[in-house]
Amino acid sequence: MASFAELDAPTLYGLLRLRVDVFVVEQRCAYPELDGRDLEPETRHLWIEGDDGAPLAYLRVLREPDGAARIGRVVTAPHARGRGLAAALMAAALRVVRDRPSRLDAQTPVAGFYARFGYRVAGEEYLDEGIPHVPMFRPAPA
């Protein structure tokens, strides 16, 4: 886990390449992947590396203006899927979130994955770059 300022150039390059390879190339979404939020001081980047040091899975935790957390850019390299890496990252992200409520926007087919972590659909389905998504919310733990 690291803030943007703590990322060295090779690690940052690997994380951004993974995101672009999956979201822009594989999913064919021409959108501003680099949205400026990576740079925010409270953003935390979490990832899992392979034996060669290349990132296999990644996500980021943002702080929203109302103090809630937002988990986003959850991604796993195609060759590393099915190993539980995204679940491990989600568990780590919830340790970062701690007692705050949190939000995410899930691709609709994987909303059930996020439900395993206490997220519930919190709005209507919408299209983002042609891919169906649903907003999801997890209240602060009691």
N, C-alpha and C. Protein backbone atom coordinates (compact mmCIF):
# COMPACT_ATOMS: atom_id res chain seq x y z
N MET A 1 0.86 -1.17 0.00
CA MET A 1 0.00 0.00 0.00
C MET A 1 0.90 1.23 0.00
N ALA A 2 0.46 2.25 -0.74
CA ALA A 2 1.26 3.46 -0.81
C ALA A 2 0.40 4.64 -1.24
N SER A 3 0.83 5.82 -0.85
CA SER A 3 0.27 7.04 -1.42
C SER A 3 0.97 7.26 -2.76
N PHE A 4 0.48 8.19 -3.53
CA PHE A 4 1.11 8.48 -4.82
C PHE A 4 2.57 8.89 -4.62
N ALA A 5 2.81 9.75 -3.64
CA ALA A 5 4.16 10.26 -3.39
C ALA A 5 5.13 9.15 -3.00
N GLU A 6 4.61 8.05 -2.48
CA GLU A 6 5.47 6.94 -2.06
C GLU A 6 5.76 5.94 -3.18
N LEU A 7 5.09 6.07 -4.31
CA LEU A 7 5.29 5.13 -5.42
C LEU A 7 6.56 5.49 -6.19
N ASP A 8 7.42 4.51 -6.42
CA ASP A 8 8.57 4.78 -7.28
C ASP A 8 8.11 4.67 -8.74
N ALA A 9 8.91 5.20 -9.63
CA ALA A 9 8.52 5.27 -11.04
C ALA A 9 8.23 3.91 -11.66
N PRO A 10 9.05 2.87 -11.46
CA PRO A 10 8.73 1.58 -12.06
C PRO A 10 7.42 0.98 -11.53
N THR A 11 7.15 1.13 -10.24
CA THR A 11 5.91 0.61 -9.68
C THR A 11 4.72 1.36 -10.25
N LEU A 12 4.79 2.69 -10.26
CA LEU A 12 3.71 3.49 -10.83
C LEU A 12 3.45 3.10 -12.28
N TYR A 13 4.50 2.96 -13.06
CA TYR A 13 4.35 2.56 -14.45
C TYR A 13 3.62 1.21 -14.55
N GLY A 14 4.01 0.25 -13.74
CA GLY A 14 3.37 -1.06 -13.77
C GLY A 14 1.90 -1.01 -13.40
N LEU A 15 1.57 -0.22 -12.38
CA LEU A 15 0.17 -0.10 -11.96
C LEU A 15 -0.68 0.55 -13.04
N LEU A 16 -0.17 1.63 -13.61
CA LEU A 16 -0.92 2.32 -14.66
C LEU A 16 -1.04 1.45 -15.91
N ARG A 17 0.01 0.72 -16.21
CA ARG A 17 -0.05 -0.16 -17.39
C ARG A 17 -1.11 -1.24 -17.20
N LEU A 18 -1.19 -1.84 -16.01
CA LEU A 18 -2.22 -2.84 -15.73
C LEU A 18 -3.60 -2.24 -15.93
N ARG A 19 -3.84 -1.06 -15.37
CA ARG A 19 -5.15 -0.41 -15.51
C ARG A 19 -5.47 -0.15 -16.97
N VAL A 20 -4.54 0.39 -17.72
CA VAL A 20 -4.78 0.69 -19.13
C VAL A 20 -4.97 -0.60 -19.93
N ASP A 21 -4.14 -1.61 -19.67
CA ASP A 21 -4.26 -2.87 -20.40
C ASP A 21 -5.65 -3.49 -20.25
N VAL A 22 -6.23 -3.41 -19.05
CA VAL A 22 -7.55 -4.02 -18.83
C VAL A 22 -8.68 -3.06 -19.18
N PHE A 23 -8.69 -1.87 -18.59
CA PHE A 23 -9.84 -0.99 -18.77
C PHE A 23 -9.91 -0.36 -20.16
N VAL A 24 -8.79 0.04 -20.71
CA VAL A 24 -8.80 0.73 -21.99
C VAL A 24 -8.66 -0.26 -23.15
N VAL A 25 -7.72 -1.19 -23.07
CA VAL A 25 -7.48 -2.11 -24.18
C VAL A 25 -8.46 -3.28 -24.16
N GLU A 26 -8.44 -4.09 -23.08
CA GLU A 26 -9.30 -5.28 -23.04
C GLU A 26 -10.78 -4.92 -23.10
N GLN A 27 -11.19 -3.94 -22.30
CA GLN A 27 -12.61 -3.58 -22.25
C GLN A 27 -12.99 -2.52 -23.28
N ARG A 28 -12.02 -2.03 -24.02
CA ARG A 28 -12.24 -1.09 -25.12
C ARG A 28 -12.99 0.16 -24.68
N CYS A 29 -12.53 0.75 -23.59
CA CYS A 29 -13.13 1.96 -23.05
C CYS A 29 -12.17 3.13 -23.24
N ALA A 30 -12.54 4.00 -24.14
CA ALA A 30 -11.73 5.21 -24.36
C ALA A 30 -12.24 6.29 -23.41
N TYR A 31 -11.62 6.37 -22.24
CA TYR A 31 -12.02 7.34 -21.22
C TYR A 31 -10.76 7.83 -20.51
N PRO A 32 -10.87 8.92 -19.77
CA PRO A 32 -9.67 9.44 -19.09
C PRO A 32 -9.29 8.58 -17.88
N GLU A 33 -8.53 7.52 -18.13
CA GLU A 33 -8.09 6.63 -17.06
C GLU A 33 -7.31 7.40 -16.00
N LEU A 34 -6.50 8.34 -16.42
CA LEU A 34 -5.75 9.17 -15.48
C LEU A 34 -6.61 10.39 -15.15
N ASP A 35 -7.37 10.27 -14.07
CA ASP A 35 -8.38 11.27 -13.73
C ASP A 35 -7.95 12.29 -12.68
N GLY A 36 -6.71 12.23 -12.25
CA GLY A 36 -6.23 13.17 -11.24
C GLY A 36 -6.40 12.71 -9.81
N ARG A 37 -7.25 11.74 -9.58
CA ARG A 37 -7.52 11.31 -8.21
C ARG A 37 -6.39 10.47 -7.63
N ASP A 38 -5.57 9.88 -8.48
CA ASP A 38 -4.41 9.12 -7.99
C ASP A 38 -3.47 10.01 -7.18
N LEU A 39 -3.43 11.28 -7.52
CA LEU A 39 -2.51 12.24 -6.91
C LEU A 39 -2.97 12.77 -5.55
N GLU A 40 -4.24 12.60 -5.23
CA GLU A 40 -4.77 13.16 -3.98
C GLU A 40 -4.01 12.57 -2.78
N PRO A 41 -3.64 13.41 -1.82
CA PRO A 41 -2.81 12.94 -0.70
C PRO A 41 -3.40 11.78 0.09
N GLU A 42 -4.71 11.69 0.17
CA GLU A 42 -5.31 10.62 0.97
C GLU A 42 -5.59 9.35 0.18
N THR A 43 -5.38 9.37 -1.13
CA THR A 43 -5.58 8.17 -1.94
C THR A 43 -4.55 7.12 -1.57
N ARG A 44 -5.02 5.90 -1.43
CA ARG A 44 -4.12 4.78 -1.14
C ARG A 44 -4.22 3.78 -2.29
N HIS A 45 -3.06 3.37 -2.78
CA HIS A 45 -2.96 2.41 -3.87
C HIS A 45 -2.57 1.07 -3.26
N LEU A 46 -3.31 0.02 -3.59
CA LEU A 46 -3.03 -1.31 -3.08
C LEU A 46 -2.84 -2.24 -4.26
N TRP A 47 -1.87 -3.13 -4.19
CA TRP A 47 -1.64 -4.05 -5.29
C TRP A 47 -0.96 -5.31 -4.80
N ILE A 48 -1.03 -6.31 -5.64
CA ILE A 48 -0.35 -7.58 -5.41
C ILE A 48 0.57 -7.81 -6.60
N GLU A 49 1.81 -8.13 -6.31
CA GLU A 49 2.81 -8.37 -7.36
C GLU A 49 3.02 -9.86 -7.59
N GLY A 50 3.41 -10.18 -8.81
CA GLY A 50 3.83 -11.54 -9.14
C GLY A 50 5.28 -11.75 -8.76
N ASP A 51 5.78 -12.95 -9.00
CA ASP A 51 7.17 -13.27 -8.67
C ASP A 51 8.16 -12.37 -9.40
N ASP A 52 7.76 -11.86 -10.56
CA ASP A 52 8.65 -10.99 -11.34
C ASP A 52 8.55 -9.52 -10.94
N GLY A 53 7.71 -9.23 -9.93
CA GLY A 53 7.56 -7.85 -9.46
C GLY A 53 6.49 -7.06 -10.20
N ALA A 54 5.93 -7.63 -11.26
CA ALA A 54 4.87 -6.93 -12.01
C ALA A 54 3.55 -7.04 -11.26
N PRO A 55 2.74 -5.97 -11.27
CA PRO A 55 1.46 -6.04 -10.56
C PRO A 55 0.50 -7.00 -11.25
N LEU A 56 -0.14 -7.84 -10.44
CA LEU A 56 -1.15 -8.78 -10.93
C LEU A 56 -2.56 -8.27 -10.67
N ALA A 57 -2.72 -7.50 -9.59
CA ALA A 57 -4.03 -6.97 -9.22
C ALA A 57 -3.83 -5.64 -8.50
N TYR A 58 -4.84 -4.79 -8.58
CA TYR A 58 -4.71 -3.42 -8.06
C TYR A 58 -6.09 -2.89 -7.71
N LEU A 59 -6.11 -1.96 -6.77
CA LEU A 59 -7.27 -1.10 -6.53
C LEU A 59 -6.78 0.15 -5.82
N ARG A 60 -7.65 1.15 -5.77
CA ARG A 60 -7.32 2.37 -5.03
C ARG A 60 -8.47 2.71 -4.10
N VAL A 61 -8.12 3.35 -3.00
CA VAL A 61 -9.11 3.82 -2.02
C VAL A 61 -9.01 5.34 -1.98
N LEU A 62 -10.12 6.00 -2.26
CA LEU A 62 -10.19 7.46 -2.28
C LEU A 62 -10.97 7.96 -1.09
N ARG A 63 -10.78 9.23 -0.76
CA ARG A 63 -11.62 9.89 0.25
C ARG A 63 -12.55 10.83 -0.49
N GLU A 64 -13.85 10.64 -0.26
CA GLU A 64 -14.86 11.48 -0.89
C GLU A 64 -15.03 12.77 -0.07
N PRO A 65 -15.59 13.81 -0.67
CA PRO A 65 -15.76 15.08 0.05
C PRO A 65 -16.56 14.96 1.36
N ASP A 66 -17.49 13.99 1.42
CA ASP A 66 -18.29 13.83 2.64
C ASP A 66 -17.59 12.95 3.68
N GLY A 67 -16.34 12.53 3.42
CA GLY A 67 -15.59 11.71 4.37
C GLY A 67 -15.69 10.22 4.11
N ALA A 68 -16.65 9.81 3.29
CA ALA A 68 -16.77 8.39 2.96
C ALA A 68 -15.58 7.97 2.09
N ALA A 69 -15.37 6.67 2.03
CA ALA A 69 -14.33 6.12 1.17
C ALA A 69 -14.96 5.71 -0.16
N ARG A 70 -14.15 5.69 -1.20
CA ARG A 70 -14.57 5.16 -2.50
C ARG A 70 -13.48 4.21 -2.97
N ILE A 71 -13.90 2.98 -3.24
CA ILE A 71 -12.98 1.99 -3.79
C ILE A 71 -13.18 1.97 -5.30
N GLY A 72 -12.09 1.98 -6.02
CA GLY A 72 -12.21 1.98 -7.47
C GLY A 72 -11.00 1.39 -8.16
N ARG A 73 -11.15 1.29 -9.48
CA ARG A 73 -10.10 0.77 -10.37
C ARG A 73 -9.67 -0.64 -9.94
N VAL A 74 -10.63 -1.43 -9.47
CA VAL A 74 -10.33 -2.81 -9.07
C VAL A 74 -10.06 -3.60 -10.35
N VAL A 75 -8.85 -4.16 -10.44
CA VAL A 75 -8.45 -4.81 -11.68
C VAL A 75 -7.51 -5.97 -11.38
N THR A 76 -7.66 -7.03 -12.17
CA THR A 76 -6.75 -8.17 -12.11
C THR A 76 -6.29 -8.48 -13.52
N ALA A 77 -5.01 -8.74 -13.68
CA ALA A 77 -4.47 -9.10 -14.99
C ALA A 77 -5.17 -10.37 -15.49
N PRO A 78 -5.46 -10.44 -16.79
CA PRO A 78 -6.18 -11.61 -17.31
C PRO A 78 -5.55 -12.95 -16.93
N HIS A 79 -4.24 -13.06 -16.97
CA HIS A 79 -3.59 -14.34 -16.68
C HIS A 79 -3.58 -14.69 -15.19
N ALA A 80 -3.99 -13.74 -14.33
CA ALA A 80 -3.98 -13.98 -12.88
C ALA A 80 -5.38 -14.11 -12.29
N ARG A 81 -6.40 -14.09 -13.12
CA ARG A 81 -7.77 -14.17 -12.61
C ARG A 81 -8.07 -15.56 -12.07
N GLY A 82 -9.00 -15.60 -11.11
CA GLY A 82 -9.41 -16.86 -10.52
C GLY A 82 -8.55 -17.32 -9.36
N ARG A 83 -7.63 -16.50 -8.92
CA ARG A 83 -6.74 -16.86 -7.81
C ARG A 83 -7.13 -16.21 -6.49
N GLY A 84 -8.19 -15.42 -6.47
CA GLY A 84 -8.60 -14.76 -5.24
C GLY A 84 -7.86 -13.47 -4.95
N LEU A 85 -7.16 -12.93 -5.94
CA LEU A 85 -6.38 -11.71 -5.70
C LEU A 85 -7.28 -10.51 -5.44
N ALA A 86 -8.36 -10.37 -6.20
CA ALA A 86 -9.26 -9.24 -5.98
C ALA A 86 -9.90 -9.32 -4.60
N ALA A 87 -10.23 -10.51 -4.16
CA ALA A 87 -10.80 -10.67 -2.81
C ALA A 87 -9.79 -10.28 -1.74
N ALA A 88 -8.54 -10.66 -1.94
CA ALA A 88 -7.50 -10.29 -0.97
C ALA A 88 -7.33 -8.78 -0.93
N LEU A 89 -7.37 -8.14 -2.10
CA LEU A 89 -7.25 -6.68 -2.13
C LEU A 89 -8.46 -6.00 -1.50
N MET A 90 -9.66 -6.54 -1.74
CA MET A 90 -10.84 -5.95 -1.12
C MET A 90 -10.76 -6.05 0.40
N ALA A 91 -10.31 -7.16 0.91
CA ALA A 91 -10.16 -7.30 2.37
C ALA A 91 -9.16 -6.28 2.88
N ALA A 92 -8.06 -6.08 2.16
CA ALA A 92 -7.07 -5.09 2.56
C ALA A 92 -7.65 -3.67 2.48
N ALA A 93 -8.43 -3.42 1.43
CA ALA A 93 -9.04 -2.09 1.27
C ALA A 93 -9.99 -1.79 2.43
N LEU A 94 -10.74 -2.77 2.88
CA LEU A 94 -11.66 -2.54 3.99
C LEU A 94 -10.90 -2.27 5.29
N ARG A 95 -9.69 -2.77 5.40
CA ARG A 95 -8.86 -2.41 6.57
C ARG A 95 -8.43 -0.95 6.47
N VAL A 96 -8.22 -0.45 5.27
CA VAL A 96 -7.89 0.97 5.07
C VAL A 96 -9.11 1.83 5.36
N VAL A 97 -10.28 1.38 4.89
CA VAL A 97 -11.53 2.12 5.07
C VAL A 97 -11.91 2.20 6.54
N ARG A 98 -11.62 1.16 7.30
CA ARG A 98 -11.92 1.04 8.73
C ARG A 98 -13.40 1.30 9.01
N ASP A 99 -13.71 2.32 9.80
CA ASP A 99 -15.08 2.53 10.26
C ASP A 99 -15.86 3.54 9.41
N ARG A 100 -15.37 3.87 8.24
CA ARG A 100 -16.07 4.82 7.37
C ARG A 100 -17.06 4.09 6.46
N PRO A 101 -18.14 4.76 6.08
CA PRO A 101 -18.97 4.18 5.02
C PRO A 101 -18.17 4.23 3.72
N SER A 102 -18.53 3.38 2.77
CA SER A 102 -17.79 3.39 1.50
C SER A 102 -18.71 3.09 0.33
N ARG A 103 -18.25 3.56 -0.83
CA ARG A 103 -18.99 3.42 -2.07
C ARG A 103 -18.07 2.82 -3.13
N LEU A 104 -18.70 2.26 -4.14
CA LEU A 104 -18.00 1.84 -5.34
C LEU A 104 -19.02 1.74 -6.46
N ASP A 105 -18.52 1.72 -7.67
CA ASP A 105 -19.36 1.51 -8.84
C ASP A 105 -18.92 0.20 -9.45
N ALA A 106 -19.79 -0.80 -9.39
CA ALA A 106 -19.45 -2.15 -9.83
C ALA A 106 -19.95 -2.40 -11.24
N GLN A 107 -19.14 -3.08 -12.04
CA GLN A 107 -19.68 -3.61 -13.28
C GLN A 107 -20.75 -4.61 -12.86
N THR A 108 -21.93 -4.48 -13.44
CA THR A 108 -23.10 -5.25 -13.00
C THR A 108 -22.83 -6.75 -12.86
N PRO A 109 -22.15 -7.39 -13.80
CA PRO A 109 -21.94 -8.84 -13.65
C PRO A 109 -21.15 -9.25 -12.42
N VAL A 110 -20.40 -8.34 -11.82
CA VAL A 110 -19.61 -8.70 -10.64
C VAL A 110 -20.13 -8.04 -9.36
N ALA A 111 -21.34 -7.51 -9.38
CA ALA A 111 -21.91 -6.89 -8.18
C ALA A 111 -22.00 -7.90 -7.04
N GLY A 112 -22.26 -9.15 -7.34
CA GLY A 112 -22.32 -10.19 -6.31
C GLY A 112 -21.00 -10.37 -5.58
N PHE A 113 -19.89 -10.18 -6.29
CA PHE A 113 -18.57 -10.25 -5.65
C PHE A 113 -18.48 -9.21 -4.55
N TYR A 114 -18.88 -7.98 -4.83
CA TYR A 114 -18.80 -6.91 -3.83
C TYR A 114 -19.81 -7.10 -2.71
N ALA A 115 -20.93 -7.75 -3.01
CA ALA A 115 -21.92 -8.04 -1.97
C ALA A 115 -21.31 -8.91 -0.88
N ARG A 116 -20.36 -9.76 -1.23
CA ARG A 116 -19.68 -10.60 -0.24
C ARG A 116 -18.97 -9.77 0.82
N PHE A 117 -18.67 -8.52 0.51
CA PHE A 117 -17.96 -7.63 1.43
C PHE A 117 -18.89 -6.61 2.08
N GLY A 118 -20.19 -6.84 1.97
CA GLY A 118 -21.16 -5.98 2.64
C GLY A 118 -21.72 -4.84 1.80
N TYR A 119 -21.38 -4.78 0.52
CA TYR A 119 -21.90 -3.73 -0.35
C TYR A 119 -23.28 -4.13 -0.87
N ARG A 120 -24.13 -3.12 -0.99
CA ARG A 120 -25.48 -3.33 -1.53
C ARG A 120 -25.72 -2.34 -2.65
N VAL A 121 -26.48 -2.78 -3.65
CA VAL A 121 -26.82 -1.88 -4.75
C VAL A 121 -27.56 -0.67 -4.18
N ALA A 122 -27.15 0.52 -4.60
CA ALA A 122 -27.68 1.76 -4.02
C ALA A 122 -28.17 2.72 -5.10
N GLY A 123 -28.68 2.18 -6.19
CA GLY A 123 -29.19 3.04 -7.26
C GLY A 123 -29.44 2.23 -8.51
N GLU A 124 -29.84 2.94 -9.53
CA GLU A 124 -30.19 2.31 -10.80
C GLU A 124 -28.94 1.94 -11.59
N GLU A 125 -29.08 0.89 -12.37
CA GLU A 125 -28.01 0.51 -13.29
C GLU A 125 -27.83 1.61 -14.33
N TYR A 126 -26.59 1.80 -14.74
CA TYR A 126 -26.27 2.81 -15.75
C TYR A 126 -25.15 2.27 -16.63
N LEU A 127 -24.99 2.88 -17.79
CA LEU A 127 -23.90 2.49 -18.69
C LEU A 127 -22.73 3.45 -18.52
N ASP A 128 -21.55 2.89 -18.37
CA ASP A 128 -20.32 3.66 -18.33
C ASP A 128 -19.44 3.09 -19.44
N GLU A 129 -19.23 3.88 -20.48
CA GLU A 129 -18.47 3.43 -21.65
C GLU A 129 -19.07 2.16 -22.24
N GLY A 130 -20.41 2.06 -22.20
CA GLY A 130 -21.11 0.93 -22.78
C GLY A 130 -21.16 -0.30 -21.89
N ILE A 131 -20.58 -0.23 -20.69
CA ILE A 131 -20.56 -1.37 -19.77
C ILE A 131 -21.55 -1.09 -18.64
N PRO A 132 -22.50 -2.01 -18.40
CA PRO A 132 -23.47 -1.79 -17.31
C PRO A 132 -22.79 -1.78 -15.95
N HIS A 133 -23.15 -0.80 -15.15
CA HIS A 133 -22.63 -0.63 -13.79
C HIS A 133 -23.79 -0.38 -12.83
N VAL A 134 -23.55 -0.64 -11.56
CA VAL A 134 -24.48 -0.26 -10.49
C VAL A 134 -23.69 0.42 -9.39
N PRO A 135 -24.26 1.50 -8.82
CA PRO A 135 -23.62 2.09 -7.64
C PRO A 135 -23.87 1.17 -6.44
N MET A 136 -22.86 1.04 -5.59
CA MET A 136 -23.00 0.20 -4.40
C MET A 136 -22.50 0.97 -3.18
N PHE A 137 -23.07 0.62 -2.03
CA PHE A 137 -22.77 1.33 -0.78
C PHE A 137 -22.59 0.31 0.33
N ARG A 138 -21.65 0.60 1.21
CA ARG A 138 -21.44 -0.20 2.42
C ARG A 138 -21.45 0.77 3.59
N PRO A 139 -22.43 0.64 4.48
CA PRO A 139 -22.47 1.57 5.62
C PRO A 139 -21.28 1.34 6.56
N ALA A 140 -21.04 2.33 7.39
CA ALA A 140 -20.00 2.19 8.40
C ALA A 140 -20.37 1.01 9.30
N PRO A 141 -19.39 0.18 9.63
CA PRO A 141 -19.68 -0.95 10.52
C PRO A 141 -20.22 -0.46 11.87
N ALA A 142 -21.12 -1.22 12.43
CA ALA A 142 -21.73 -0.85 13.72
C ALA A 142 -20.77 -1.03 14.87
